[in-house]
Amino acid sequence: MFVPSVRTNSSGPSWAGGNTAGTSLSVNNTFYVVNSSSTIATINAALAAGDNLLFTPGIYQYASTINVTKADTKIIGLGFATIIPTAGQTTINVADVNGVNISG
């Protein structure tokens, strides 16, 4: 999994001027792959253990909050991964930590 570095004051594709800066992460060792059978308890346990999240395409309806507490956590959605709160809660809560990247 390649995670591009944050860009500021820029426009256009990052690769137009050469290689894109970023970090390569192993999907096997550092990501919990979220699918339709994943529960909030499992997701939060994976995050607490220091895993990143990779959401497969789909609609995810949860009645609890996903809690990100570790610095440099990556949460990536493939396709149209959609998270819907069903109890009026915050969908994802990010603690006061640096480097969290949520993208889709």
PDB file of N, CA and C in Angstrom:
ATOM      1  N   MET A   1       0.846  -1.145   0.000  1.00  0.00           N
ATOM      2  CA  MET A   1       0.000   0.000   0.000  1.00  0.00           C
ATOM      3  C   MET A   1       0.906   1.227   0.000  1.00  0.00           C
ATOM      4  N   PHE A   2       0.690   2.129  -0.947  1.00  0.00           N
ATOM      5  CA  PHE A   2       1.473   3.364  -1.000  1.00  0.00           C
ATOM      6  C   PHE A   2       0.621   4.504  -0.476  1.00  0.00           C
ATOM      7  N   VAL A   3       1.126   5.213   0.513  1.00  0.00           N
ATOM      8  CA  VAL A   3       0.425   6.354   1.108  1.00  0.00           C
ATOM      9  C   VAL A   3       1.196   7.613   0.747  1.00  0.00           C
ATOM     10  N   PRO A   4       0.641   8.449  -0.137  1.00  0.00           N
ATOM     11  CA  PRO A   4       1.341   9.680  -0.522  1.00  0.00           C
ATOM     12  C   PRO A   4       1.507  10.635   0.650  1.00  0.00           C
ATOM     13  N   SER A   5       2.566  11.418   0.614  1.00  0.00           N
ATOM     14  CA  SER A   5       2.785  12.448   1.631  1.00  0.00           C
ATOM     15  C   SER A   5       1.772  13.567   1.455  1.00  0.00           C
ATOM     16  N   VAL A   6       1.509  14.278   2.524  1.00  0.00           N
ATOM     17  CA  VAL A   6       0.592  15.420   2.480  1.00  0.00           C
ATOM     18  C   VAL A   6       1.195  16.503   1.605  1.00  0.00           C
ATOM     19  N   ARG A   7       0.350  17.117   0.781  1.00  0.00           N
ATOM     20  CA  ARG A   7       0.793  18.226  -0.061  1.00  0.00           C
ATOM     21  C   ARG A   7       0.042  19.480   0.352  1.00  0.00           C
ATOM     22  N   THR A   8       0.713  20.610   0.308  1.00  0.00           N
ATOM     23  CA  THR A   8       0.064  21.885   0.599  1.00  0.00           C
ATOM     24  C   THR A   8       0.387  22.857  -0.523  1.00  0.00           C
ATOM     25  N   ASN A   9      -0.484  23.833  -0.698  1.00  0.00           N
ATOM     26  CA  ASN A   9      -0.289  24.867  -1.721  1.00  0.00           C
ATOM     27  C   ASN A   9       0.103  24.260  -3.058  1.00  0.00           C
ATOM     28  N   SER A  10      -0.672  23.282  -3.509  1.00  0.00           N
ATOM     29  CA  SER A  10      -0.350  22.600  -4.759  1.00  0.00           C
ATOM     30  C   SER A  10      -1.615  22.371  -5.566  1.00  0.00           C
ATOM     31  N   SER A  11      -1.432  22.046  -6.817  1.00  0.00           N
ATOM     32  CA  SER A  11      -2.554  21.675  -7.670  1.00  0.00           C
ATOM     33  C   SER A  11      -2.053  20.675  -8.698  1.00  0.00           C
ATOM     34  N   GLY A  12      -2.967  19.907  -9.252  1.00  0.00           N
ATOM     35  CA  GLY A  12      -2.607  18.930 -10.265  1.00  0.00           C
ATOM     36  C   GLY A  12      -2.103  17.638  -9.647  1.00  0.00           C
ATOM     37  N   PRO A  13      -1.801  16.675 -10.515  1.00  0.00           N
ATOM     38  CA  PRO A  13      -1.350  15.372 -10.025  1.00  0.00           C
ATOM     39  C   PRO A  13       0.042  15.442  -9.407  1.00  0.00           C
ATOM     40  N   SER A  14       0.252  14.659  -8.363  1.00  0.00           N
ATOM     41  CA  SER A  14       1.536  14.678  -7.660  1.00  0.00           C
ATOM     42  C   SER A  14       2.653  14.082  -8.501  1.00  0.00           C
ATOM     43  N   TRP A  15       2.316  13.246  -9.459  1.00  0.00           N
ATOM     44  CA  TRP A  15       3.337  12.562 -10.247  1.00  0.00           C
ATOM     45  C   TRP A  15       3.789  13.341 -11.487  1.00  0.00           C
ATOM     46  N   ALA A  16       3.204  14.493 -11.750  1.00  0.00           N
ATOM     47  CA  ALA A  16       3.551  15.253 -12.950  1.00  0.00           C
ATOM     48  C   ALA A  16       5.007  15.711 -12.949  1.00  0.00           C
ATOM     49  N   GLY A  17       5.573  15.974 -11.783  1.00  0.00           N
ATOM     50  CA  GLY A  17       6.947  16.447 -11.703  1.00  0.00           C
ATOM     51  C   GLY A  17       7.949  15.351 -11.356  1.00  0.00           C
ATOM     52  N   GLY A  18       7.551  14.099 -11.454  1.00  0.00           N
ATOM     53  CA  GLY A  18       8.433  12.989 -11.096  1.00  0.00           C
ATOM     54  C   GLY A  18       7.738  12.070 -10.102  1.00  0.00           C
ATOM     55  N   ASN A  19       8.529  11.387  -9.314  1.00  0.00           N
ATOM     56  CA  ASN A  19       7.971  10.451  -8.341  1.00  0.00           C
ATOM     57  C   ASN A  19       7.180  11.166  -7.249  1.00  0.00           C
ATOM     58  N   THR A  20       6.154  10.510  -6.757  1.00  0.00           N
ATOM     59  CA  THR A  20       5.342  11.040  -5.668  1.00  0.00           C
ATOM     60  C   THR A  20       5.985  10.666  -4.340  1.00  0.00           C
ATOM     61  N   ALA A  21       6.168  11.649  -3.476  1.00  0.00           N
ATOM     62  CA  ALA A  21       6.720  11.373  -2.141  1.00  0.00           C
ATOM     63  C   ALA A  21       5.681  10.648  -1.308  1.00  0.00           C
ATOM     64  N   GLY A  22       6.140   9.720  -0.484  1.00  0.00           N
ATOM     65  CA  GLY A  22       5.224   8.992   0.375  1.00  0.00           C
ATOM     66  C   GLY A  22       5.887   7.795   1.023  1.00  0.00           C
ATOM     67  N   THR A  23       5.054   6.925   1.576  1.00  0.00           N
ATOM     68  CA  THR A  23       5.531   5.768   2.318  1.00  0.00           C
ATOM     69  C   THR A  23       4.838   4.511   1.818  1.00  0.00           C
ATOM     70  N   SER A  24       5.590   3.443   1.672  1.00  0.00           N
ATOM     71  CA  SER A  24       5.019   2.144   1.329  1.00  0.00           C
ATOM     72  C   SER A  24       4.816   1.337   2.601  1.00  0.00           C
ATOM     73  N   LEU A  25       3.612   0.786   2.756  1.00  0.00           N
ATOM     74  CA  LEU A  25       3.290  -0.031   3.924  1.00  0.00           C
ATOM     75  C   LEU A  25       2.841  -1.407   3.466  1.00  0.00           C
ATOM     76  N   SER A  26       3.226  -2.437   4.180  1.00  0.00           N
ATOM     77  CA  SER A  26       2.816  -3.796   3.855  1.00  0.00           C
ATOM     78  C   SER A  26       1.372  -4.015   4.281  1.00  0.00           C
ATOM     79  N   VAL A  27       0.536  -4.456   3.365  1.00  0.00           N
ATOM     80  CA  VAL A  27      -0.858  -4.724   3.689  1.00  0.00           C
ATOM     81  C   VAL A  27      -0.949  -5.918   4.639  1.00  0.00           C
ATOM     82  N   ASN A  28      -0.074  -6.883   4.486  1.00  0.00           N
ATOM     83  CA  ASN A  28      -0.128  -8.090   5.315  1.00  0.00           C
ATOM     84  C   ASN A  28       0.173  -7.837   6.780  1.00  0.00           C
ATOM     85  N   ASN A  29       1.074  -6.925   7.079  1.00  0.00           N
ATOM     86  CA  ASN A  29       1.542  -6.764   8.449  1.00  0.00           C
ATOM     87  C   ASN A  29       0.982  -5.558   9.182  1.00  0.00           C
ATOM     88  N   THR A  30       0.479  -4.574   8.481  1.00  0.00           N
ATOM     89  CA  THR A  30       0.121  -3.334   9.169  1.00  0.00           C
ATOM     90  C   THR A  30      -1.338  -2.914   9.003  1.00  0.00           C
ATOM     91  N   PHE A  31      -2.106  -3.639   8.224  1.00  0.00           N
ATOM     92  CA  PHE A  31      -3.485  -3.238   7.974  1.00  0.00           C
ATOM     93  C   PHE A  31      -4.472  -4.290   8.449  1.00  0.00           C
ATOM     94  N   TYR A  32      -5.550  -3.822   9.072  1.00  0.00           N
ATOM     95  CA  TYR A  32      -6.708  -4.666   9.303  1.00  0.00           C
ATOM     96  C   TYR A  32      -7.655  -4.375   8.143  1.00  0.00           C
ATOM     97  N   VAL A  33      -8.049  -5.405   7.409  1.00  0.00           N
ATOM     98  CA  VAL A  33      -8.941  -5.230   6.265  1.00  0.00           C
ATOM     99  C   VAL A  33     -10.378  -5.334   6.761  1.00  0.00           C
ATOM    100  N   VAL A  34     -11.087  -4.205   6.681  1.00  0.00           N
ATOM    101  CA  VAL A  34     -12.470  -4.130   7.139  1.00  0.00           C
ATOM    102  C   VAL A  34     -13.379  -4.628   6.022  1.00  0.00           C
ATOM    103  N   ASN A  35     -14.298  -5.551   6.389  1.00  0.00           N
ATOM    104  CA  ASN A  35     -15.277  -6.044   5.422  1.00  0.00           C
ATOM    105  C   ASN A  35     -16.652  -6.039   6.077  1.00  0.00           C
ATOM    106  N   SER A  36     -17.641  -6.571   5.407  1.00  0.00           N
ATOM    107  CA  SER A  36     -19.027  -6.474   5.888  1.00  0.00           C
ATOM    108  C   SER A  36     -19.256  -7.180   7.219  1.00  0.00           C
ATOM    109  N   SER A  37     -18.399  -8.105   7.611  1.00  0.00           N
ATOM    110  CA  SER A  37     -18.585  -8.802   8.886  1.00  0.00           C
ATOM    111  C   SER A  37     -17.799  -8.165  10.035  1.00  0.00           C
ATOM    112  N   SER A  38     -17.059  -7.105   9.771  1.00  0.00           N
ATOM    113  CA  SER A  38     -16.258  -6.439  10.805  1.00  0.00           C
ATOM    114  C   SER A  38     -17.152  -5.651  11.758  1.00  0.00           C
ATOM    115  N   THR A  39     -16.899  -5.792  13.049  1.00  0.00           N
ATOM    116  CA  THR A  39     -17.653  -5.058  14.062  1.00  0.00           C
ATOM    117  C   THR A  39     -16.825  -3.872  14.556  1.00  0.00           C
ATOM    118  N   ILE A  40     -17.486  -2.933  15.210  1.00  0.00           N
ATOM    119  CA  ILE A  40     -16.776  -1.792  15.800  1.00  0.00           C
ATOM    120  C   ILE A  40     -15.773  -2.286  16.833  1.00  0.00           C
ATOM    121  N   ALA A  41     -16.143  -3.272  17.619  1.00  0.00           N
ATOM    122  CA  ALA A  41     -15.226  -3.811  18.633  1.00  0.00           C
ATOM    123  C   ALA A  41     -13.951  -4.344  17.980  1.00  0.00           C
ATOM    124  N   THR A  42     -14.091  -5.051  16.880  1.00  0.00           N
ATOM    125  CA  THR A  42     -12.932  -5.595  16.164  1.00  0.00           C
ATOM    126  C   THR A  42     -12.096  -4.483  15.551  1.00  0.00           C
ATOM    127  N   ILE A  43     -12.766  -3.513  14.955  1.00  0.00           N
ATOM    128  CA  ILE A  43     -12.070  -2.385  14.337  1.00  0.00           C
ATOM    129  C   ILE A  43     -11.297  -1.595  15.390  1.00  0.00           C
ATOM    130  N   ASN A  44     -11.955  -1.270  16.514  1.00  0.00           N
ATOM    131  CA  ASN A  44     -11.284  -0.501  17.564  1.00  0.00           C
ATOM    132  C   ASN A  44     -10.153  -1.291  18.212  1.00  0.00           C
ATOM    133  N   ALA A  45     -10.302  -2.608  18.317  1.00  0.00           N
ATOM    134  CA  ALA A  45      -9.221  -3.441  18.853  1.00  0.00           C
ATOM    135  C   ALA A  45      -8.015  -3.428  17.919  1.00  0.00           C
ATOM    136  N   ALA A  46      -8.271  -3.478  16.616  1.00  0.00           N
ATOM    137  CA  ALA A  46      -7.185  -3.416  15.639  1.00  0.00           C
ATOM    138  C   ALA A  46      -6.467  -2.067  15.726  1.00  0.00           C
ATOM    139  N   LEU A  47      -7.230  -0.989  15.832  1.00  0.00           N
ATOM    140  CA  LEU A  47      -6.629   0.338  15.961  1.00  0.00           C
ATOM    141  C   LEU A  47      -5.814   0.451  17.247  1.00  0.00           C
ATOM    142  N   ALA A  48      -6.349  -0.065  18.351  1.00  0.00           N
ATOM    143  CA  ALA A  48      -5.639  -0.008  19.639  1.00  0.00           C
ATOM    144  C   ALA A  48      -4.340  -0.812  19.590  1.00  0.00           C
ATOM    145  N   ALA A  49      -4.308  -1.855  18.756  1.00  0.00           N
ATOM    146  CA  ALA A  49      -3.105  -2.674  18.603  1.00  0.00           C
ATOM    147  C   ALA A  49      -2.086  -2.037  17.663  1.00  0.00           C
ATOM    148  N   GLY A  50      -2.456  -0.894  17.063  1.00  0.00           N
ATOM    149  CA  GLY A  50      -1.531  -0.189  16.182  1.00  0.00           C
ATOM    150  C   GLY A  50      -1.700  -0.477  14.708  1.00  0.00           C
ATOM    151  N   ASP A  51      -2.770  -1.200  14.340  1.00  0.00           N
ATOM    152  CA  ASP A  51      -3.016  -1.483  12.923  1.00  0.00           C
ATOM    153  C   ASP A  51      -3.627  -0.269  12.233  1.00  0.00           C
ATOM    154  N   ASN A  52      -3.421  -0.189  10.929  1.00  0.00           N
ATOM    155  CA  ASN A  52      -4.115   0.760  10.071  1.00  0.00           C
ATOM    156  C   ASN A  52      -5.376   0.068   9.575  1.00  0.00           C
ATOM    157  N   LEU A  53      -6.296   0.804   8.955  1.00  0.00           N
ATOM    158  CA  LEU A  53      -7.527   0.216   8.438  1.00  0.00           C
ATOM    159  C   LEU A  53      -7.600   0.354   6.930  1.00  0.00           C
ATOM    160  N   LEU A  54      -8.054  -0.711   6.271  1.00  0.00           N
ATOM    161  CA  LEU A  54      -8.317  -0.698   4.841  1.00  0.00           C
ATOM    162  C   LEU A  54      -9.759  -1.158   4.653  1.00  0.00           C
ATOM    163  N   PHE A  55     -10.665  -0.217   4.343  1.00  0.00           N
ATOM    164  CA  PHE A  55     -12.074  -0.535   4.139  1.00  0.00           C
ATOM    165  C   PHE A  55     -12.276  -1.014   2.710  1.00  0.00           C
ATOM    166  N   THR A  56     -12.846  -2.208   2.545  1.00  0.00           N
ATOM    167  CA  THR A  56     -13.204  -2.693   1.227  1.00  0.00           C
ATOM    168  C   THR A  56     -14.460  -1.950   0.777  1.00  0.00           C
ATOM    169  N   PRO A  57     -14.759  -1.926  -0.528  1.00  0.00           N
ATOM    170  CA  PRO A  57     -15.946  -1.215  -0.988  1.00  0.00           C
ATOM    171  C   PRO A  57     -17.209  -1.754  -0.316  1.00  0.00           C
ATOM    172  N   GLY A  58     -18.086  -0.858   0.075  1.00  0.00           N
ATOM    173  CA  GLY A  58     -19.342  -1.273   0.689  1.00  0.00           C
ATOM    174  C   GLY A  58     -19.917  -0.180   1.555  1.00  0.00           C
ATOM    175  N   ILE A  59     -21.084  -0.474   2.129  1.00  0.00           N
ATOM    176  CA  ILE A  59     -21.744   0.447   3.049  1.00  0.00           C
ATOM    177  C   ILE A  59     -21.668  -0.175   4.438  1.00  0.00           C
ATOM    178  N   TYR A  60     -21.101   0.581   5.366  1.00  0.00           N
ATOM    179  CA  TYR A  60     -20.891   0.120   6.733  1.00  0.00           C
ATOM    180  C   TYR A  60     -21.774   0.947   7.657  1.00  0.00           C
ATOM    181  N   GLN A  61     -22.679   0.284   8.373  1.00  0.00           N
ATOM    182  CA  GLN A  61     -23.577   0.971   9.296  1.00  0.00           C
ATOM    183  C   GLN A  61     -23.228   0.541  10.712  1.00  0.00           C
ATOM    184  N   TYR A  62     -22.831   1.519  11.530  1.00  0.00           N
ATOM    185  CA  TYR A  62     -22.401   1.232  12.892  1.00  0.00           C
ATOM    186  C   TYR A  62     -23.118   2.146  13.878  1.00  0.00           C
ATOM    187  N   ALA A  63     -23.391   1.604  15.078  1.00  0.00           N
ATOM    188  CA  ALA A  63     -24.052   2.367  16.128  1.00  0.00           C
ATOM    189  C   ALA A  63     -23.067   2.873  17.170  1.00  0.00           C
ATOM    190  N   SER A  64     -21.772   2.681  16.933  1.00  0.00           N
ATOM    191  CA  SER A  64     -20.725   3.164  17.842  1.00  0.00           C
ATOM    192  C   SER A  64     -19.661   3.873  17.024  1.00  0.00           C
ATOM    193  N   THR A  65     -18.780   4.565  17.722  1.00  0.00           N
ATOM    194  CA  THR A  65     -17.744   5.373  17.082  1.00  0.00           C
ATOM    195  C   THR A  65     -16.469   4.573  16.856  1.00  0.00           C
ATOM    196  N   ILE A  66     -15.829   4.803  15.719  1.00  0.00           N
ATOM    197  CA  ILE A  66     -14.489   4.274  15.462  1.00  0.00           C
ATOM    198  C   ILE A  66     -13.520   5.242  16.138  1.00  0.00           C
ATOM    199  N   ASN A  67     -12.658   4.718  17.022  1.00  0.00           N
ATOM    200  CA  ASN A  67     -11.761   5.564  17.806  1.00  0.00           C
ATOM    201  C   ASN A  67     -10.307   5.375  17.393  1.00  0.00           C
ATOM    202  N   VAL A  68      -9.729   6.435  16.862  1.00  0.00           N
ATOM    203  CA  VAL A  68      -8.325   6.429  16.452  1.00  0.00           C
ATOM    204  C   VAL A  68      -7.520   7.080  17.569  1.00  0.00           C
ATOM    205  N   THR A  69      -6.612   6.323  18.187  1.00  0.00           N
ATOM    206  CA  THR A  69      -5.856   6.833  19.331  1.00  0.00           C
ATOM    207  C   THR A  69      -4.350   6.832  19.109  1.00  0.00           C
ATOM    208  N   LYS A  70      -3.881   6.248  18.021  1.00  0.00           N
ATOM    209  CA  LYS A  70      -2.440   6.141  17.781  1.00  0.00           C
ATOM    210  C   LYS A  70      -2.013   7.126  16.692  1.00  0.00           C
ATOM    211  N   ALA A  71      -0.857   7.741  16.903  1.00  0.00           N
ATOM    212  CA  ALA A  71      -0.288   8.648  15.900  1.00  0.00           C
ATOM    213  C   ALA A  71       0.026   7.874  14.625  1.00  0.00           C
ATOM    214  N   ASP A  72      -0.002   8.577  13.503  1.00  0.00           N
ATOM    215  CA  ASP A  72       0.385   8.047  12.191  1.00  0.00           C
ATOM    216  C   ASP A  72      -0.509   6.925  11.675  1.00  0.00           C
ATOM    217  N   THR A  73      -1.723   6.809  12.194  1.00  0.00           N
ATOM    218  CA  THR A  73      -2.668   5.801  11.717  1.00  0.00           C
ATOM    219  C   THR A  73      -3.174   6.192  10.333  1.00  0.00           C
ATOM    220  N   LYS A  74      -3.293   5.193   9.461  1.00  0.00           N
ATOM    221  CA  LYS A  74      -3.838   5.396   8.116  1.00  0.00           C
ATOM    222  C   LYS A  74      -5.175   4.664   8.030  1.00  0.00           C
ATOM    223  N   ILE A  75      -6.204   5.360   7.542  1.00  0.00           N
ATOM    224  CA  ILE A  75      -7.510   4.752   7.285  1.00  0.00           C
ATOM    225  C   ILE A  75      -7.816   5.017   5.819  1.00  0.00           C
ATOM    226  N   ILE A  76      -7.929   3.942   5.055  1.00  0.00           N
ATOM    227  CA  ILE A  76      -8.087   4.066   3.607  1.00  0.00           C
ATOM    228  C   ILE A  76      -9.337   3.315   3.177  1.00  0.00           C
ATOM    229  N   GLY A  77     -10.163   3.964   2.361  1.00  0.00           N
ATOM    230  CA  GLY A  77     -11.354   3.328   1.804  1.00  0.00           C
ATOM    231  C   GLY A  77     -11.146   3.052   0.333  1.00  0.00           C
ATOM    232  N   LEU A  78     -11.405   1.838  -0.088  1.00  0.00           N
ATOM    233  CA  LEU A  78     -11.314   1.476  -1.502  1.00  0.00           C
ATOM    234  C   LEU A  78     -12.681   1.630  -2.153  1.00  0.00           C
ATOM    235  N   GLY A  79     -12.700   2.052  -3.409  1.00  0.00           N
ATOM    236  CA  GLY A  79     -13.973   2.218  -4.096  1.00  0.00           C
ATOM    237  C   GLY A  79     -14.830   3.218  -3.360  1.00  0.00           C
ATOM    238  N   PHE A  80     -16.081   2.863  -3.151  1.00  0.00           N
ATOM    239  CA  PHE A  80     -17.001   3.738  -2.417  1.00  0.00           C
ATOM    240  C   PHE A  80     -17.304   3.135  -1.049  1.00  0.00           C
ATOM    241  N   ALA A  81     -16.280   3.061  -0.211  1.00  0.00           N
ATOM    242  CA  ALA A  81     -16.488   2.615   1.169  1.00  0.00           C
ATOM    243  C   ALA A  81     -17.198   3.745   1.910  1.00  0.00           C
ATOM    244  N   THR A  82     -18.390   3.458   2.432  1.00  0.00           N
ATOM    245  CA  THR A  82     -19.218   4.468   3.079  1.00  0.00           C
ATOM    246  C   THR A  82     -19.537   4.036   4.499  1.00  0.00           C
ATOM    247  N   ILE A  83     -19.260   4.902   5.473  1.00  0.00           N
ATOM    248  CA  ILE A  83     -19.543   4.604   6.871  1.00  0.00           C
ATOM    249  C   ILE A  83     -20.718   5.473   7.308  1.00  0.00           C
ATOM    250  N   ILE A  84     -21.772   4.822   7.795  1.00  0.00           N
ATOM    251  CA  ILE A  84     -22.992   5.521   8.186  1.00  0.00           C
ATOM    252  C   ILE A  84     -23.214   5.341   9.688  1.00  0.00           C
ATOM    253  N   PRO A  85     -23.295   6.444  10.453  1.00  0.00           N
ATOM    254  CA  PRO A  85     -23.632   6.323  11.874  1.00  0.00           C
ATOM    255  C   PRO A  85     -25.126   6.073  12.022  1.00  0.00           C
ATOM    256  N   THR A  86     -25.499   5.062  12.807  1.00  0.00           N
ATOM    257  CA  THR A  86     -26.922   4.728  12.928  1.00  0.00           C
ATOM    258  C   THR A  86     -27.543   5.178  14.236  1.00  0.00           C
ATOM    259  N   ALA A  87     -26.731   5.726  15.160  1.00  0.00           N
ATOM    260  CA  ALA A  87     -27.271   6.149  16.451  1.00  0.00           C
ATOM    261  C   ALA A  87     -26.979   7.617  16.735  1.00  0.00           C
ATOM    262  N   GLY A  88     -26.702   8.384  15.676  1.00  0.00           N
ATOM    263  CA  GLY A  88     -26.449   9.810  15.849  1.00  0.00           C
ATOM    264  C   GLY A  88     -25.075  10.132  16.422  1.00  0.00           C
ATOM    265  N   GLN A  89     -24.194   9.156  16.473  1.00  0.00           N
ATOM    266  CA  GLN A  89     -22.862   9.349  17.049  1.00  0.00           C
ATOM    267  C   GLN A  89     -21.878   9.893  16.012  1.00  0.00           C
ATOM    268  N   THR A  90     -20.727  10.325  16.503  1.00  0.00           N
ATOM    269  CA  THR A  90     -19.626  10.689  15.629  1.00  0.00           C
ATOM    270  C   THR A  90     -19.151   9.410  14.945  1.00  0.00           C
ATOM    271  N   THR A  91     -18.903   9.466  13.660  1.00  0.00           N
ATOM    272  CA  THR A  91     -18.505   8.267  12.929  1.00  0.00           C
ATOM    273  C   THR A  91     -17.085   7.849  13.277  1.00  0.00           C
ATOM    274  N   ILE A  92     -16.136   8.788  13.179  1.00  0.00           N
ATOM    275  CA  ILE A  92     -14.739   8.514  13.507  1.00  0.00           C
ATOM    276  C   ILE A  92     -14.243   9.617  14.421  1.00  0.00           C
ATOM    277  N   ASN A  93     -13.675   9.228  15.556  1.00  0.00           N
ATOM    278  CA  ASN A  93     -13.096  10.185  16.487  1.00  0.00           C
ATOM    279  C   ASN A  93     -11.581  10.003  16.473  1.00  0.00           C
ATOM    280  N   VAL A  94     -10.862  11.078  16.171  1.00  0.00           N
ATOM    281  CA  VAL A  94      -9.402  11.036  16.160  1.00  0.00           C
ATOM    282  C   VAL A  94      -8.902  11.766  17.398  1.00  0.00           C
ATOM    283  N   ALA A  95      -8.143  11.048  18.228  1.00  0.00           N
ATOM    284  CA  ALA A  95      -7.559  11.650  19.430  1.00  0.00           C
ATOM    285  C   ALA A  95      -6.572  12.734  19.026  1.00  0.00           C
ATOM    286  N   ASP A  96      -6.082  13.468  19.992  1.00  0.00           N
ATOM    287  CA  ASP A  96      -5.120  14.551  19.738  1.00  0.00           C
ATOM    288  C   ASP A  96      -3.743  13.955  19.486  1.00  0.00           C
ATOM    289  N   VAL A  97      -3.608  13.326  18.299  1.00  0.00           N
ATOM    290  CA  VAL A  97      -2.342  12.685  17.902  1.00  0.00           C
ATOM    291  C   VAL A  97      -1.962  13.169  16.509  1.00  0.00           C
ATOM    292  N   ASN A  98      -0.705  13.112  16.195  1.00  0.00           N
ATOM    293  CA  ASN A  98      -0.192  13.613  14.913  1.00  0.00           C
ATOM    294  C   ASN A  98      -0.223  12.534  13.830  1.00  0.00           C
ATOM    295  N   GLY A  99      -0.291  12.978  12.586  1.00  0.00           N
ATOM    296  CA  GLY A  99      -0.038  12.128  11.437  1.00  0.00           C
ATOM    297  C   GLY A  99      -1.154  11.214  11.007  1.00  0.00           C
ATOM    298  N   VAL A 100      -2.369  11.362  11.526  1.00  0.00           N
ATOM    299  CA  VAL A 100      -3.469  10.497  11.109  1.00  0.00           C
ATOM    300  C   VAL A 100      -3.899  10.891   9.712  1.00  0.00           C
ATOM    301  N   ASN A 101      -4.074   9.892   8.836  1.00  0.00           N
ATOM    302  CA  ASN A 101      -4.430  10.127   7.444  1.00  0.00           C
ATOM    303  C   ASN A 101      -5.682   9.315   7.142  1.00  0.00           C
ATOM    304  N   ILE A 102      -6.785  10.012   6.814  1.00  0.00           N
ATOM    305  CA  ILE A 102      -8.038   9.358   6.445  1.00  0.00           C
ATOM    306  C   ILE A 102      -8.311   9.723   4.996  1.00  0.00           C
ATOM    307  N   SER A 103      -8.394   8.709   4.141  1.00  0.00           N
ATOM    308  CA  SER A 103      -8.584   8.982   2.709  1.00  0.00           C
ATOM    309  C   SER A 103      -9.438   7.892   2.083  1.00  0.00           C
ATOM    310  N   GLY A 104      -9.950   8.205   0.904  1.00  0.00           N
ATOM    311  CA  GLY A 104     -10.773   7.207   0.232  1.00  0.00           C
ATOM    312  C   GLY A 104     -10.715   7.390  -1.252  1.00  0.00           C
TER     313      GLY A 104
END
